[in-house]
Every structure is written in structure tokens, then in C-alpha cells.
Amino acid sequence: MLHGRDTKYSHAFREFWRSSGIKRIRSPIRAPKAIAFAESFIGTIKRECLNNFMCFSRDQLDYITDTWVRHYNSERPHRGVGMSNEVLDRSFRPTTYETIRCKQQLGGLIKSYYRDAA
């Protein structure tokens, strides 16, 4: 488990995780942005996904997060290198003229658009 060096992580907190067999990794000294990417991702999944559901079991939570993470890593538009947009090119003109389809997941919370295969 990765966590900061805040004083809110008491001895009881540390002892609980140690007794559970979970290794704790503290962020580096005087590096407040060291876990910024993890905190950003957690905020994103909460805002875009988990705040819309009430989970009644661990299996349900696992299904929802697995589905959303798969969408986030493979279908969601990113600005990263190698992530392509299969519907529009940079001039915002259609790349081809096939029908655009919509794939919905998690009750319509996730929508992905794609073209039929030629």
C-alpha cells in the first residue's frame, strides 16, 4: 500500500496493515507530488464511475471497476502517444462513411463509439 507521510497514519494504522501482511510504502520525504498520479486516478474513477453506483457486494464492485478500468485504458479518448481516434481525424472530418455504432456498458454510464468493420 502506498501512502503519504501525514501524521494521520497513526501507529494503529501501521500495525493494522502490518498484521494483515500488507507491505506499506511511504512517499519520499518532502515530495508531496510523489503519489499525484495515483491520487488523480482515484479521483477520476470516483467521479466518473463509483459515485453513480451503490454496491452490495465485493463481486459487484470488482465487476464495475474492472469494466471501467478496461474502458479507461483501451477505449476512452486520451492524449497519450499511440492512442488513436477511430471515428474522426484531426480535421474533424469522418475518416470513412460507415455507420457509427454506440456500445453501452454499466447501464449506459460508459458509451463507446465505433464504426462497423468494412
PDB file of N, CA and C in Angstrom:
ATOM      1  N   MET A   1       0.845  -1.158   0.000  1.00  0.00           N
ATOM      2  CA  MET A   1       0.000   0.000   0.000  1.00  0.00           C
ATOM      3  C   MET A   1       0.897   1.228   0.000  1.00  0.00           C
ATOM      4  N   LEU A   2       0.607   2.143  -0.877  1.00  0.00           N
ATOM      5  CA  LEU A   2       1.355   3.390  -0.985  1.00  0.00           C
ATOM      6  C   LEU A   2       0.595   4.482  -0.250  1.00  0.00           C
ATOM      7  N   HIS A   3       1.262   5.213   0.645  1.00  0.00           N
ATOM      8  CA  HIS A   3       0.604   6.308   1.340  1.00  0.00           C
ATOM      9  C   HIS A   3       1.619   7.387   1.676  1.00  0.00           C
ATOM     10  N   GLY A   4       1.116   8.547   2.006  1.00  0.00           N
ATOM     11  CA  GLY A   4       1.961   9.689   2.319  1.00  0.00           C
ATOM     12  C   GLY A   4       2.544   9.612   3.720  1.00  0.00           C
ATOM     13  N   ARG A   5       3.198  10.696   4.127  1.00  0.00           N
ATOM     14  CA  ARG A   5       3.833  10.746   5.437  1.00  0.00           C
ATOM     15  C   ARG A   5       3.026  11.575   6.426  1.00  0.00           C
ATOM     16  N   ASP A   6       1.759  11.760   6.165  1.00  0.00           N
ATOM     17  CA  ASP A   6       0.903  12.552   7.029  1.00  0.00           C
ATOM     18  C   ASP A   6       0.809  11.926   8.429  1.00  0.00           C
ATOM     19  N   THR A   7       0.632  12.767   9.429  1.00  0.00           N
ATOM     20  CA  THR A   7       0.534  12.280  10.808  1.00  0.00           C
ATOM     21  C   THR A   7      -0.777  11.529  11.072  1.00  0.00           C
ATOM     22  N   LYS A   8      -1.736  11.608  10.152  1.00  0.00           N
ATOM     23  CA  LYS A   8      -2.987  10.875  10.353  1.00  0.00           C
ATOM     24  C   LYS A   8      -2.773   9.360  10.252  1.00  0.00           C
ATOM     25  N   TYR A   9      -1.635   8.923   9.706  1.00  0.00           N
ATOM     26  CA  TYR A   9      -1.327   7.498   9.646  1.00  0.00           C
ATOM     27  C   TYR A   9      -0.654   7.102  10.959  1.00  0.00           C
ATOM     28  N   SER A  10      -1.461   6.778  11.938  1.00  0.00           N
ATOM     29  CA  SER A  10      -1.010   6.524  13.305  1.00  0.00           C
ATOM     30  C   SER A  10      -0.363   5.147  13.445  1.00  0.00           C
ATOM     31  N   HIS A  11       0.099   4.885  14.658  1.00  0.00           N
ATOM     32  CA  HIS A  11       0.684   3.577  14.967  1.00  0.00           C
ATOM     33  C   HIS A  11      -0.354   2.473  14.758  1.00  0.00           C
ATOM     34  N   ALA A  12      -1.589   2.716  15.166  1.00  0.00           N
ATOM     35  CA  ALA A  12      -2.651   1.714  14.993  1.00  0.00           C
ATOM     36  C   ALA A  12      -2.876   1.418  13.513  1.00  0.00           C
ATOM     37  N   PHE A  13      -2.837   2.451  12.664  1.00  0.00           N
ATOM     38  CA  PHE A  13      -2.975   2.281  11.214  1.00  0.00           C
ATOM     39  C   PHE A  13      -1.852   1.394  10.685  1.00  0.00           C
ATOM     40  N   ARG A  14      -0.619   1.727  11.057  1.00  0.00           N
ATOM     41  CA  ARG A  14       0.535   0.962  10.576  1.00  0.00           C
ATOM     42  C   ARG A  14       0.481  -0.481  11.067  1.00  0.00           C
ATOM     43  N   GLU A  15       0.099  -0.663  12.304  1.00  0.00           N
ATOM     44  CA  GLU A  15       0.033  -2.004  12.894  1.00  0.00           C
ATOM     45  C   GLU A  15      -1.053  -2.849  12.235  1.00  0.00           C
ATOM     46  N   PHE A  16      -2.178  -2.242  11.907  1.00  0.00           N
ATOM     47  CA  PHE A  16      -3.260  -2.968  11.243  1.00  0.00           C
ATOM     48  C   PHE A  16      -2.780  -3.556   9.920  1.00  0.00           C
ATOM     49  N   TRP A  17      -2.139  -2.754   9.095  1.00  0.00           N
ATOM     50  CA  TRP A  17      -1.682  -3.237   7.792  1.00  0.00           C
ATOM     51  C   TRP A  17      -0.530  -4.227   7.926  1.00  0.00           C
ATOM     52  N   ARG A  18       0.346  -4.001   8.895  1.00  0.00           N
ATOM     53  CA  ARG A  18       1.444  -4.937   9.114  1.00  0.00           C
ATOM     54  C   ARG A  18       0.903  -6.309   9.512  1.00  0.00           C
ATOM     55  N   SER A  19      -0.068  -6.341  10.429  1.00  0.00           N
ATOM     56  CA  SER A  19      -0.636  -7.607  10.878  1.00  0.00           C
ATOM     57  C   SER A  19      -1.439  -8.298   9.774  1.00  0.00           C
ATOM     58  N   SER A  20      -1.887  -7.553   8.784  1.00  0.00           N
ATOM     59  CA  SER A  20      -2.623  -8.135   7.650  1.00  0.00           C
ATOM     60  C   SER A  20      -1.682  -8.695   6.592  1.00  0.00           C
ATOM     61  N   GLY A  21      -0.376  -8.462   6.775  1.00  0.00           N
ATOM     62  CA  GLY A  21       0.595  -8.967   5.809  1.00  0.00           C
ATOM     63  C   GLY A  21       0.761  -8.082   4.590  1.00  0.00           C
ATOM     64  N   ILE A  22       0.298  -6.837   4.667  1.00  0.00           N
ATOM     65  CA  ILE A  22       0.383  -5.904   3.544  1.00  0.00           C
ATOM     66  C   ILE A  22       1.594  -5.009   3.732  1.00  0.00           C
ATOM     67  N   LYS A  23       2.406  -4.914   2.716  1.00  0.00           N
ATOM     68  CA  LYS A  23       3.593  -4.071   2.788  1.00  0.00           C
ATOM     69  C   LYS A  23       3.194  -2.616   2.533  1.00  0.00           C
ATOM     70  N   ARG A  24       3.659  -1.739   3.394  1.00  0.00           N
ATOM     71  CA  ARG A  24       3.389  -0.312   3.249  1.00  0.00           C
ATOM     72  C   ARG A  24       4.601   0.366   2.632  1.00  0.00           C
ATOM     73  N   ILE A  25       4.351   1.274   1.711  1.00  0.00           N
ATOM     74  CA  ILE A  25       5.418   2.077   1.120  1.00  0.00           C
ATOM     75  C   ILE A  25       5.049   3.535   1.357  1.00  0.00           C
ATOM     76  N   ARG A  26       5.899   4.239   2.066  1.00  0.00           N
ATOM     77  CA  ARG A  26       5.647   5.655   2.348  1.00  0.00           C
ATOM     78  C   ARG A  26       6.253   6.503   1.241  1.00  0.00           C
ATOM     79  N   SER A  27       5.607   7.609   0.947  1.00  0.00           N
ATOM     80  CA  SER A  27       6.126   8.510  -0.088  1.00  0.00           C
ATOM     81  C   SER A  27       7.450   9.113   0.385  1.00  0.00           C
ATOM     82  N   PRO A  28       8.285   9.550  -0.550  1.00  0.00           N
ATOM     83  CA  PRO A  28       9.578  10.139  -0.170  1.00  0.00           C
ATOM     84  C   PRO A  28       9.398  11.406   0.675  1.00  0.00           C
ATOM     85  N   ILE A  29      10.402  11.723   1.470  1.00  0.00           N
ATOM     86  CA  ILE A  29      10.379  12.920   2.308  1.00  0.00           C
ATOM     87  C   ILE A  29      10.407  14.161   1.421  1.00  0.00           C
ATOM     88  N   ARG A  30       9.582  15.126   1.765  1.00  0.00           N
ATOM     89  CA  ARG A  30       9.474  16.409   1.062  1.00  0.00           C
ATOM     90  C   ARG A  30       9.197  16.237  -0.441  1.00  0.00           C
ATOM     91  N   ALA A  31       8.322  15.308  -0.769  1.00  0.00           N
ATOM     92  CA  ALA A  31       7.910  15.078  -2.155  1.00  0.00           C
ATOM     93  C   ALA A  31       6.388  14.943  -2.199  1.00  0.00           C
ATOM     94  N   PRO A  32       5.677  16.066  -2.019  1.00  0.00           N
ATOM     95  CA  PRO A  32       4.220  15.985  -1.917  1.00  0.00           C
ATOM     96  C   PRO A  32       3.534  15.522  -3.198  1.00  0.00           C
ATOM     97  N   LYS A  33       4.208  15.616  -4.330  1.00  0.00           N
ATOM     98  CA  LYS A  33       3.585  15.218  -5.597  1.00  0.00           C
ATOM     99  C   LYS A  33       3.967  13.803  -6.016  1.00  0.00           C
ATOM    100  N   ALA A  34       4.625  13.055  -5.133  1.00  0.00           N
ATOM    101  CA  ALA A  34       5.121  11.719  -5.478  1.00  0.00           C
ATOM    102  C   ALA A  34       3.989  10.751  -5.822  1.00  0.00           C
ATOM    103  N   ILE A  35       2.842  10.872  -5.185  1.00  0.00           N
ATOM    104  CA  ILE A  35       1.742   9.951  -5.473  1.00  0.00           C
ATOM    105  C   ILE A  35       0.583  10.672  -6.172  1.00  0.00           C
ATOM    106  N   ALA A  36       0.915  11.745  -6.880  1.00  0.00           N
ATOM    107  CA  ALA A  36      -0.113  12.550  -7.541  1.00  0.00           C
ATOM    108  C   ALA A  36      -0.866  11.771  -8.611  1.00  0.00           C
ATOM    109  N   PHE A  37      -0.176  10.926  -9.381  1.00  0.00           N
ATOM    110  CA  PHE A  37      -0.861  10.170 -10.437  1.00  0.00           C
ATOM    111  C   PHE A  37      -1.859   9.185  -9.839  1.00  0.00           C
ATOM    112  N   ALA A  38      -1.481   8.528  -8.767  1.00  0.00           N
ATOM    113  CA  ALA A  38      -2.397   7.593  -8.118  1.00  0.00           C
ATOM    114  C   ALA A  38      -3.613   8.338  -7.563  1.00  0.00           C
ATOM    115  N   GLU A  39      -3.378   9.469  -6.913  1.00  0.00           N
ATOM    116  CA  GLU A  39      -4.489  10.239  -6.357  1.00  0.00           C
ATOM    117  C   GLU A  39      -5.389  10.788  -7.465  1.00  0.00           C
ATOM    118  N   SER A  40      -4.805  11.188  -8.582  1.00  0.00           N
ATOM    119  CA  SER A  40      -5.589  11.675  -9.714  1.00  0.00           C
ATOM    120  C   SER A  40      -6.475  10.558 -10.279  1.00  0.00           C
ATOM    121  N   PHE A  41      -5.903   9.359 -10.431  1.00  0.00           N
ATOM    122  CA  PHE A  41      -6.675   8.235 -10.954  1.00  0.00           C
ATOM    123  C   PHE A  41      -7.814   7.864 -10.013  1.00  0.00           C
ATOM    124  N   ILE A  42      -7.544   7.842  -8.714  1.00  0.00           N
ATOM    125  CA  ILE A  42      -8.582   7.514  -7.737  1.00  0.00           C
ATOM    126  C   ILE A  42      -9.719   8.533  -7.807  1.00  0.00           C
ATOM    127  N   GLY A  43      -9.372   9.814  -7.913  1.00  0.00           N
ATOM    128  CA  GLY A  43     -10.399  10.844  -8.051  1.00  0.00           C
ATOM    129  C   GLY A  43     -11.211  10.683  -9.320  1.00  0.00           C
ATOM    130  N   THR A  44     -10.544  10.324 -10.416  1.00  0.00           N
ATOM    131  CA  THR A  44     -11.231  10.135 -11.692  1.00  0.00           C
ATOM    132  C   THR A  44     -12.204   8.966 -11.626  1.00  0.00           C
ATOM    133  N   ILE A  45     -11.771   7.835 -11.099  1.00  0.00           N
ATOM    134  CA  ILE A  45     -12.668   6.670 -11.045  1.00  0.00           C
ATOM    135  C   ILE A  45     -13.839   6.929 -10.094  1.00  0.00           C
ATOM    136  N   LYS A  46     -13.610   7.682  -9.029  1.00  0.00           N
ATOM    137  CA  LYS A  46     -14.715   8.015  -8.128  1.00  0.00           C
ATOM    138  C   LYS A  46     -15.724   8.934  -8.806  1.00  0.00           C
ATOM    139  N   ARG A  47     -15.232  10.013  -9.437  1.00  0.00           N
ATOM    140  CA  ARG A  47     -16.135  10.980 -10.076  1.00  0.00           C
ATOM    141  C   ARG A  47     -16.871  10.386 -11.273  1.00  0.00           C
ATOM    142  N   GLU A  48     -16.145   9.690 -12.134  1.00  0.00           N
ATOM    143  CA  GLU A  48     -16.735   9.223 -13.390  1.00  0.00           C
ATOM    144  C   GLU A  48     -17.481   7.902 -13.270  1.00  0.00           C
ATOM    145  N   CYS A  49     -17.231   7.142 -12.210  1.00  0.00           N
ATOM    146  CA  CYS A  49     -17.828   5.814 -12.133  1.00  0.00           C
ATOM    147  C   CYS A  49     -18.476   5.519 -10.784  1.00  0.00           C
ATOM    148  N   LEU A  50     -17.690   5.401  -9.738  1.00  0.00           N
ATOM    149  CA  LEU A  50     -18.187   4.847  -8.480  1.00  0.00           C
ATOM    150  C   LEU A  50     -19.241   5.696  -7.778  1.00  0.00           C
ATOM    151  N   ASN A  51     -19.226   7.006  -7.977  1.00  0.00           N
ATOM    152  CA  ASN A  51     -20.251   7.851  -7.351  1.00  0.00           C
ATOM    153  C   ASN A  51     -21.643   7.596  -7.920  1.00  0.00           C
ATOM    154  N   ASN A  52     -21.734   6.848  -9.020  1.00  0.00           N
ATOM    155  CA  ASN A  52     -23.013   6.578  -9.663  1.00  0.00           C
ATOM    156  C   ASN A  52     -23.616   5.237  -9.264  1.00  0.00           C
ATOM    157  N   PHE A  53     -22.953   4.503  -8.391  1.00  0.00           N
ATOM    158  CA  PHE A  53     -23.410   3.168  -8.029  1.00  0.00           C
ATOM    159  C   PHE A  53     -23.472   2.995  -6.520  1.00  0.00           C
ATOM    160  N   MET A  54     -24.349   2.080  -6.117  1.00  0.00           N
ATOM    161  CA  MET A  54     -24.371   1.619  -4.730  1.00  0.00           C
ATOM    162  C   MET A  54     -24.106   0.119  -4.803  1.00  0.00           C
ATOM    163  N   CYS A  55     -22.951  -0.284  -4.352  1.00  0.00           N
ATOM    164  CA  CYS A  55     -22.545  -1.687  -4.456  1.00  0.00           C
ATOM    165  C   CYS A  55     -22.988  -2.454  -3.215  1.00  0.00           C
ATOM    166  N   PHE A  56     -23.496  -3.659  -3.450  1.00  0.00           N
ATOM    167  CA  PHE A  56     -23.964  -4.501  -2.363  1.00  0.00           C
ATOM    168  C   PHE A  56     -23.067  -5.696  -2.113  1.00  0.00           C
ATOM    169  N   SER A  57     -22.045  -5.877  -2.953  1.00  0.00           N
ATOM    170  CA  SER A  57     -21.116  -6.987  -2.738  1.00  0.00           C
ATOM    171  C   SER A  57     -19.759  -6.625  -3.331  1.00  0.00           C
ATOM    172  N   ARG A  58     -18.762  -7.329  -2.894  1.00  0.00           N
ATOM    173  CA  ARG A  58     -17.412  -7.129  -3.424  1.00  0.00           C
ATOM    174  C   ARG A  58     -17.344  -7.530  -4.896  1.00  0.00           C
ATOM    175  N   ASP A  59     -18.077  -8.590  -5.279  1.00  0.00           N
ATOM    176  CA  ASP A  59     -18.097  -9.021  -6.675  1.00  0.00           C
ATOM    177  C   ASP A  59     -18.669  -7.939  -7.583  1.00  0.00           C
ATOM    178  N   GLN A  60     -19.712  -7.270  -7.117  1.00  0.00           N
ATOM    179  CA  GLN A  60     -20.316  -6.194  -7.899  1.00  0.00           C
ATOM    180  C   GLN A  60     -19.329  -5.043  -8.054  1.00  0.00           C
ATOM    181  N   LEU A  61     -18.658  -4.667  -6.983  1.00  0.00           N
ATOM    182  CA  LEU A  61     -17.654  -3.607  -7.043  1.00  0.00           C
ATOM    183  C   LEU A  61     -16.510  -3.986  -7.979  1.00  0.00           C
ATOM    184  N   ASP A  62     -16.046  -5.243  -7.904  1.00  0.00           N
ATOM    185  CA  ASP A  62     -14.980  -5.707  -8.789  1.00  0.00           C
ATOM    186  C   ASP A  62     -15.408  -5.644 -10.249  1.00  0.00           C
ATOM    187  N   TYR A  63     -16.642  -6.074 -10.555  1.00  0.00           N
ATOM    188  CA  TYR A  63     -17.142  -6.030 -11.931  1.00  0.00           C
ATOM    189  C   TYR A  63     -17.188  -4.596 -12.455  1.00  0.00           C
ATOM    190  N   ILE A  64     -17.714  -3.689 -11.649  1.00  0.00           N
ATOM    191  CA  ILE A  64     -17.840  -2.292 -12.064  1.00  0.00           C
ATOM    192  C   ILE A  64     -16.460  -1.677 -12.297  1.00  0.00           C
ATOM    193  N   THR A  65     -15.545  -1.857 -11.361  1.00  0.00           N
ATOM    194  CA  THR A  65     -14.212  -1.260 -11.523  1.00  0.00           C
ATOM    195  C   THR A  65     -13.440  -1.917 -12.662  1.00  0.00           C
ATOM    196  N   ASP A  66     -13.534  -3.236 -12.828  1.00  0.00           N
ATOM    197  CA  ASP A  66     -12.847  -3.905 -13.940  1.00  0.00           C
ATOM    198  C   ASP A  66     -13.360  -3.405 -15.284  1.00  0.00           C
ATOM    199  N   THR A  67     -14.672  -3.264 -15.409  1.00  0.00           N
ATOM    200  CA  THR A  67     -15.259  -2.768 -16.656  1.00  0.00           C
ATOM    201  C   THR A  67     -14.815  -1.341 -16.932  1.00  0.00           C
ATOM    202  N   TRP A  68     -14.840  -0.487 -15.916  1.00  0.00           N
ATOM    203  CA  TRP A  68     -14.466   0.909 -16.107  1.00  0.00           C
ATOM    204  C   TRP A  68     -12.976   1.053 -16.417  1.00  0.00           C
ATOM    205  N   VAL A  69     -12.122   0.314 -15.716  1.00  0.00           N
ATOM    206  CA  VAL A  69     -10.672   0.397 -15.960  1.00  0.00           C
ATOM    207  C   VAL A  69     -10.342  -0.107 -17.362  1.00  0.00           C
ATOM    208  N   ARG A  70     -10.995  -1.178 -17.812  1.00  0.00           N
ATOM    209  CA  ARG A  70     -10.784  -1.663 -19.182  1.00  0.00           C
ATOM    210  C   ARG A  70     -11.165  -0.573 -20.189  1.00  0.00           C
ATOM    211  N   HIS A  71     -12.296   0.073 -19.970  1.00  0.00           N
ATOM    212  CA  HIS A  71     -12.720   1.177 -20.845  1.00  0.00           C
ATOM    213  C   HIS A  71     -11.720   2.328 -20.774  1.00  0.00           C
ATOM    214  N   TYR A  72     -11.295   2.687 -19.582  1.00  0.00           N
ATOM    215  CA  TYR A  72     -10.374   3.808 -19.374  1.00  0.00           C
ATOM    216  C   TYR A  72      -9.052   3.574 -20.093  1.00  0.00           C
ATOM    217  N   ASN A  73      -8.534   2.351 -20.051  1.00  0.00           N
ATOM    218  CA  ASN A  73      -7.236   2.053 -20.636  1.00  0.00           C
ATOM    219  C   ASN A  73      -7.255   1.734 -22.117  1.00  0.00           C
ATOM    220  N   SER A  74      -8.410   1.361 -22.675  1.00  0.00           N
ATOM    221  CA  SER A  74      -8.397   0.939 -24.072  1.00  0.00           C
ATOM    222  C   SER A  74      -9.353   1.686 -24.996  1.00  0.00           C
ATOM    223  N   GLU A  75     -10.454   2.216 -24.481  1.00  0.00           N
ATOM    224  CA  GLU A  75     -11.448   2.830 -25.356  1.00  0.00           C
ATOM    225  C   GLU A  75     -11.604   4.332 -25.170  1.00  0.00           C
ATOM    226  N   ARG A  76     -11.388   4.802 -23.972  1.00  0.00           N
ATOM    227  CA  ARG A  76     -11.590   6.221 -23.653  1.00  0.00           C
ATOM    228  C   ARG A  76     -10.568   7.076 -24.393  1.00  0.00           C
ATOM    229  N   PRO A  77     -10.993   8.210 -24.958  1.00  0.00           N
ATOM    230  CA  PRO A  77     -10.041   9.076 -25.645  1.00  0.00           C
ATOM    231  C   PRO A  77      -9.003   9.641 -24.686  1.00  0.00           C
ATOM    232  N   HIS A  78      -7.746   9.500 -25.046  1.00  0.00           N
ATOM    233  CA  HIS A  78      -6.638  10.033 -24.264  1.00  0.00           C
ATOM    234  C   HIS A  78      -5.790  10.906 -25.174  1.00  0.00           C
ATOM    235  N   ARG A  79      -4.921  11.653 -24.586  1.00  0.00           N
ATOM    236  CA  ARG A  79      -3.970  12.436 -25.359  1.00  0.00           C
ATOM    237  C   ARG A  79      -2.609  11.752 -25.416  1.00  0.00           C
ATOM    238  N   GLY A  80      -2.538  10.534 -24.939  1.00  0.00           N
ATOM    239  CA  GLY A  80      -1.277   9.812 -24.888  1.00  0.00           C
ATOM    240  C   GLY A  80      -0.792   9.371 -26.255  1.00  0.00           C
ATOM    241  N   VAL A  81       0.469   9.067 -26.325  1.00  0.00           N
ATOM    242  CA  VAL A  81       1.074   8.590 -27.557  1.00  0.00           C
ATOM    243  C   VAL A  81       0.500   7.229 -27.903  1.00  0.00           C
ATOM    244  N   GLY A  82       0.135   7.046 -29.163  1.00  0.00           N
ATOM    245  CA  GLY A  82      -0.358   5.755 -29.621  1.00  0.00           C
ATOM    246  C   GLY A  82      -1.849   5.540 -29.429  1.00  0.00           C
ATOM    247  N   MET A  83      -2.544   6.451 -28.783  1.00  0.00           N
ATOM    248  CA  MET A  83      -3.985   6.317 -28.619  1.00  0.00           C
ATOM    249  C   MET A  83      -4.647   6.973 -29.829  1.00  0.00           C
ATOM    250  N   SER A  84      -5.392   6.192 -30.586  1.00  0.00           N
ATOM    251  CA  SER A  84      -5.977   6.727 -31.811  1.00  0.00           C
ATOM    252  C   SER A  84      -7.471   6.946 -31.640  1.00  0.00           C
ATOM    253  N   ASN A  85      -7.997   7.822 -32.473  1.00  0.00           N
ATOM    254  CA  ASN A  85      -9.432   8.080 -32.537  1.00  0.00           C
ATOM    255  C   ASN A  85      -9.914   7.448 -33.833  1.00  0.00           C
ATOM    256  N   GLU A  86     -10.731   6.429 -33.738  1.00  0.00           N
ATOM    257  CA  GLU A  86     -11.136   5.662 -34.906  1.00  0.00           C
ATOM    258  C   GLU A  86     -12.335   6.271 -35.644  1.00  0.00           C
ATOM    259  N   VAL A  87     -12.902   7.360 -35.134  1.00  0.00           N
ATOM    260  CA  VAL A  87     -14.085   7.940 -35.755  1.00  0.00           C
ATOM    261  C   VAL A  87     -13.739   9.198 -36.545  1.00  0.00           C
ATOM    262  N   LEU A  88     -12.939  10.098 -35.984  1.00  0.00           N
ATOM    263  CA  LEU A  88     -12.603  11.360 -36.640  1.00  0.00           C
ATOM    264  C   LEU A  88     -11.099  11.484 -36.816  1.00  0.00           C
ATOM    265  N   ASP A  89     -10.681  12.235 -37.846  1.00  0.00           N
ATOM    266  CA  ASP A  89      -9.262  12.567 -37.949  1.00  0.00           C
ATOM    267  C   ASP A  89      -9.064  13.957 -37.352  1.00  0.00           C
ATOM    268  N   ARG A  90      -7.850  14.496 -37.428  1.00  0.00           N
ATOM    269  CA  ARG A  90      -7.557  15.771 -36.776  1.00  0.00           C
ATOM    270  C   ARG A  90      -8.344  16.950 -37.342  1.00  0.00           C
ATOM    271  N   SER A  91      -8.783  16.867 -38.583  1.00  0.00           N
ATOM    272  CA  SER A  91      -9.559  17.957 -39.176  1.00  0.00           C
ATOM    273  C   SER A  91     -11.044  17.851 -38.812  1.00  0.00           C
ATOM    274  N   PHE A  92     -11.395  16.878 -37.986  1.00  0.00           N
ATOM    275  CA  PHE A  92     -12.768  16.621 -37.565  1.00  0.00           C
ATOM    276  C   PHE A  92     -13.673  16.234 -38.726  1.00  0.00           C
ATOM    277  N   ARG A  93     -13.085  15.663 -39.739  1.00  0.00           N
ATOM    278  CA  ARG A  93     -13.862  15.106 -40.845  1.00  0.00           C
ATOM    279  C   ARG A  93     -13.899  13.590 -40.670  1.00  0.00           C
ATOM    280  N   PRO A  94     -15.004  12.957 -41.025  1.00  0.00           N
ATOM    281  CA  PRO A  94     -15.071  11.498 -40.879  1.00  0.00           C
ATOM    282  C   PRO A  94     -13.965  10.821 -41.689  1.00  0.00           C
ATOM    283  N   THR A  95     -13.331   9.790 -41.093  1.00  0.00           N
ATOM    284  CA  THR A  95     -12.291   9.064 -41.809  1.00  0.00           C
ATOM    285  C   THR A  95     -12.893   8.139 -42.857  1.00  0.00           C
ATOM    286  N   THR A  96     -14.052   7.605 -42.596  1.00  0.00           N
ATOM    287  CA  THR A  96     -14.805   6.804 -43.555  1.00  0.00           C
ATOM    288  C   THR A  96     -16.274   7.130 -43.358  1.00  0.00           C
ATOM    289  N   TYR A  97     -17.115   6.540 -44.162  1.00  0.00           N
ATOM    290  CA  TYR A  97     -18.531   6.884 -44.092  1.00  0.00           C
ATOM    291  C   TYR A  97     -19.423   5.721 -43.675  1.00  0.00           C
ATOM    292  N   GLU A  98     -18.870   4.733 -42.971  1.00  0.00           N
ATOM    293  CA  GLU A  98     -19.700   3.654 -42.452  1.00  0.00           C
ATOM    294  C   GLU A  98     -20.536   4.172 -41.275  1.00  0.00           C
ATOM    295  N   THR A  99     -21.493   3.397 -40.894  1.00  0.00           N
ATOM    296  CA  THR A  99     -22.367   3.761 -39.783  1.00  0.00           C
ATOM    297  C   THR A  99     -21.595   3.746 -38.466  1.00  0.00           C
ATOM    298  N   ILE A 100     -21.841   4.761 -37.661  1.00  0.00           N
ATOM    299  CA  ILE A 100     -21.227   4.827 -36.337  1.00  0.00           C
ATOM    300  C   ILE A 100     -22.159   4.133 -35.352  1.00  0.00           C
ATOM    301  N   ARG A 101     -21.606   3.218 -34.580  1.00  0.00           N
ATOM    302  CA  ARG A 101     -22.366   2.457 -33.597  1.00  0.00           C
ATOM    303  C   ARG A 101     -21.974   2.896 -32.189  1.00  0.00           C
ATOM    304  N   CYS A 102     -22.876   2.676 -31.260  1.00  0.00           N
ATOM    305  CA  CYS A 102     -22.622   3.011 -29.858  1.00  0.00           C
ATOM    306  C   CYS A 102     -22.683   1.737 -29.028  1.00  0.00           C
ATOM    307  N   LYS A 103     -21.637   1.508 -28.252  1.00  0.00           N
ATOM    308  CA  LYS A 103     -21.588   0.368 -27.320  1.00  0.00           C
ATOM    309  C   LYS A 103     -21.747   0.931 -25.917  1.00  0.00           C
ATOM    310  N   GLN A 104     -22.758   0.464 -25.195  1.00  0.00           N
ATOM    311  CA  GLN A 104     -23.015   0.950 -23.836  1.00  0.00           C
ATOM    312  C   GLN A 104     -22.664  -0.122 -22.822  1.00  0.00           C
ATOM    313  N   GLN A 105     -22.078   0.317 -21.718  1.00  0.00           N
ATOM    314  CA  GLN A 105     -21.740  -0.576 -20.621  1.00  0.00           C
ATOM    315  C   GLN A 105     -22.144   0.078 -19.310  1.00  0.00           C
ATOM    316  N   LEU A 106     -22.275  -0.716 -18.281  1.00  0.00           N
ATOM    317  CA  LEU A 106     -22.650  -0.252 -16.939  1.00  0.00           C
ATOM    318  C   LEU A 106     -23.918   0.599 -16.976  1.00  0.00           C
ATOM    319  N   GLY A 107     -24.923   0.096 -17.658  1.00  0.00           N
ATOM    320  CA  GLY A 107     -26.214   0.761 -17.699  1.00  0.00           C
ATOM    321  C   GLY A 107     -26.210   2.078 -18.457  1.00  0.00           C
ATOM    322  N   GLY A 108     -25.292   2.250 -19.390  1.00  0.00           N
ATOM    323  CA  GLY A 108     -25.216   3.471 -20.176  1.00  0.00           C
ATOM    324  C   GLY A 108     -24.249   4.504 -19.618  1.00  0.00           C
ATOM    325  N   LEU A 109     -23.619   4.224 -18.480  1.00  0.00           N
ATOM    326  CA  LEU A 109     -22.642   5.151 -17.922  1.00  0.00           C
ATOM    327  C   LEU A 109     -21.435   5.284 -18.851  1.00  0.00           C
ATOM    328  N   ILE A 110     -21.035   4.174 -19.455  1.00  0.00           N
ATOM    329  CA  ILE A 110     -19.923   4.161 -20.403  1.00  0.00           C
ATOM    330  C   ILE A 110     -20.501   4.021 -21.795  1.00  0.00           C
ATOM    331  N   LYS A 111     -20.118   4.914 -22.673  1.00  0.00           N
ATOM    332  CA  LYS A 111     -20.526   4.834 -24.070  1.00  0.00           C
ATOM    333  C   LYS A 111     -19.284   4.929 -24.934  1.00  0.00           C
ATOM    334  N   SER A 112     -19.123   3.959 -25.838  1.00  0.00           N
ATOM    335  CA  SER A 112     -18.017   3.950 -26.774  1.00  0.00           C
ATOM    336  C   SER A 112     -18.596   3.954 -28.176  1.00  0.00           C
ATOM    337  N   TYR A 113     -18.004   4.722 -29.053  1.00  0.00           N
ATOM    338  CA  TYR A 113     -18.473   4.818 -30.423  1.00  0.00           C
ATOM    339  C   TYR A 113     -17.445   4.181 -31.348  1.00  0.00           C
ATOM    340  N   TYR A 114     -17.944   3.456 -32.325  1.00  0.00           N
ATOM    341  CA  TYR A 114     -17.060   2.771 -33.272  1.00  0.00           C
ATOM    342  C   TYR A 114     -17.770   2.647 -34.616  1.00  0.00           C
ATOM    343  N   ARG A 115     -17.002   2.325 -35.645  1.00  0.00           N
ATOM    344  CA  ARG A 115     -17.572   2.092 -36.973  1.00  0.00           C
ATOM    345  C   ARG A 115     -17.639   0.597 -37.233  1.00  0.00           C
ATOM    346  N   ASP A 116     -18.627   0.200 -38.022  1.00  0.00           N
ATOM    347  CA  ASP A 116     -18.725  -1.206 -38.423  1.00  0.00           C
ATOM    348  C   ASP A 116     -17.470  -1.580 -39.204  1.00  0.00           C
ATOM    349  N   ALA A 117     -17.060  -2.822 -39.054  1.00  0.00           N
ATOM    350  CA  ALA A 117     -15.892  -3.311 -39.809  1.00  0.00           C
ATOM    351  C   ALA A 117     -16.253  -3.365 -41.279  1.00  0.00           C
ATOM    352  N   ALA A 118     -15.287  -3.018 -42.118  1.00  0.00           N
ATOM    353  CA  ALA A 118     -15.531  -2.993 -43.576  1.00  0.00           C
ATOM    354  C   ALA A 118     -15.603  -4.377 -44.141  1.00  0.00           C
TER     355      ALA A 118
END
